[in-house]
Amino acid sequence: MGKAICLISGGMDSAVAAAIAKHEGHEIYALSFDYHQRNRREIESAKKIAEWLGAKEHKIIDVNFRRIGGSALTDDIEVPEEAEGIP
């Protein structure tokens, strides 16, 4: 049995990729990044996914985006709905 380091965001894509690694017989080591998003649901989902997969270990790395500037993901900044130019 091999080992797999799986990046778990809390979303469907990373969960499926990790589940495939588990299905193929790999021991799962989960890694998530906490960027202090306004919605904590992503980190909570990542924890549940890692637990469901039976991850040997789940590390959550703190990468607070607020230290380097604002983001609509972390601050109360409005996201523009319409803009001109290349998206």
Protein backbone atom coordinates (compact mmCIF):
# COMPACT_ATOMS: atom_id res chain seq x y z
CA MET A 1 0.00 0.00 0.00
CA GLY A 2 1.35 3.40 -0.99
CA LYS A 3 0.81 6.77 0.58
CA ALA A 4 -1.08 9.67 -1.00
CA ILE A 5 -0.96 13.31 0.06
CA CYS A 6 -4.37 14.64 -0.91
CA LEU A 7 -5.21 18.33 -1.05
CA ILE A 8 -8.70 18.58 0.43
CA SER A 9 -10.54 21.86 -0.17
CA GLY A 10 -13.91 20.75 1.11
CA GLY A 11 -15.33 20.62 -2.40
CA MET A 12 -16.43 17.80 -4.66
CA ASP A 13 -13.37 17.62 -6.94
CA SER A 14 -10.79 17.16 -4.19
CA ALA A 15 -13.06 14.72 -2.34
CA VAL A 16 -13.45 12.54 -5.44
CA ALA A 17 -9.71 12.61 -6.19
CA ALA A 18 -8.92 11.56 -2.61
CA ALA A 19 -11.60 8.85 -2.71
CA ILE A 20 -10.02 7.43 -5.88
CA ALA A 21 -6.63 7.33 -4.16
CA LYS A 22 -8.23 5.54 -1.18
CA HIS A 23 -10.03 3.11 -3.51
CA GLU A 24 -6.71 2.30 -5.19
CA GLY A 25 -5.36 1.25 -1.79
CA HIS A 26 -3.34 4.29 -0.80
CA GLU A 27 -3.02 5.47 2.78
CA ILE A 28 -4.44 9.01 2.82
CA TYR A 29 -2.66 12.02 4.29
CA ALA A 30 -4.93 15.05 3.95
CA LEU A 31 -3.76 18.64 3.55
CA SER A 32 -6.00 21.73 3.61
CA PHE A 33 -5.35 25.46 3.53
CA ASP A 34 -7.22 27.82 5.84
CA TYR A 35 -7.13 31.26 4.24
CA HIS A 36 -9.63 32.63 6.80
CA GLN A 37 -12.49 32.69 4.34
CA ARG A 38 -15.73 34.31 5.46
CA ASN A 39 -17.59 31.05 5.04
CA ARG A 40 -16.03 28.48 7.37
CA ARG A 41 -18.01 25.70 5.70
CA GLU A 42 -15.08 24.78 3.43
CA ILE A 43 -12.73 23.94 6.31
CA GLU A 44 -15.46 22.08 8.20
CA SER A 45 -16.26 20.07 5.05
CA ALA A 46 -12.56 19.30 4.54
CA LYS A 47 -12.36 17.95 8.11
CA LYS A 48 -15.40 15.73 7.54
CA ILE A 49 -14.07 14.45 4.22
CA ALA A 50 -10.67 13.61 5.73
CA GLU A 51 -12.39 11.77 8.58
CA TRP A 52 -14.72 9.92 6.19
CA LEU A 53 -11.71 8.81 4.14
CA GLY A 54 -9.98 7.55 7.27
CA ALA A 55 -7.03 9.86 6.67
CA LYS A 56 -3.97 8.87 8.68
CA GLU A 57 -3.37 12.57 9.33
CA HIS A 58 -5.03 15.87 8.36
CA LYS A 59 -2.91 19.02 8.42
CA ILE A 60 -4.55 22.42 8.05
CA ILE A 61 -2.09 25.12 6.99
CA ASP A 62 -2.88 28.70 8.03
CA VAL A 63 -2.42 31.11 5.09
CA ASN A 64 -4.29 34.20 6.25
CA PHE A 65 -4.81 36.32 3.10
CA ARG A 66 -5.64 39.33 5.27
CA ARG A 67 -1.94 39.71 6.00
CA ILE A 68 -1.16 40.45 2.36
CA GLY A 69 -4.25 42.37 1.28
CA GLY A 70 -7.99 42.23 0.91
CA SER A 71 -9.99 39.61 -0.89
CA ALA A 72 -13.68 39.09 -1.52
CA LEU A 73 -13.15 35.62 -0.06
CA THR A 74 -11.97 36.93 3.30
CA ASP A 75 -13.30 40.49 3.70
CA ASP A 76 -16.61 42.28 3.30
CA ILE A 77 -15.68 43.43 -0.20
CA GLU A 78 -18.39 43.45 -2.83
CA VAL A 79 -17.76 41.28 -5.85
CA PRO A 80 -18.45 43.21 -9.08
CA GLU A 81 -21.22 41.63 -11.12
CA GLU A 82 -20.42 43.33 -14.42
CA ALA A 83 -17.17 44.71 -15.75
CA GLU A 84 -15.64 45.55 -19.09
CA GLY A 85 -12.54 43.90 -20.46
CA ILE A 86 -11.12 40.45 -20.08
CA PRO A 87 -12.57 38.58 -17.09
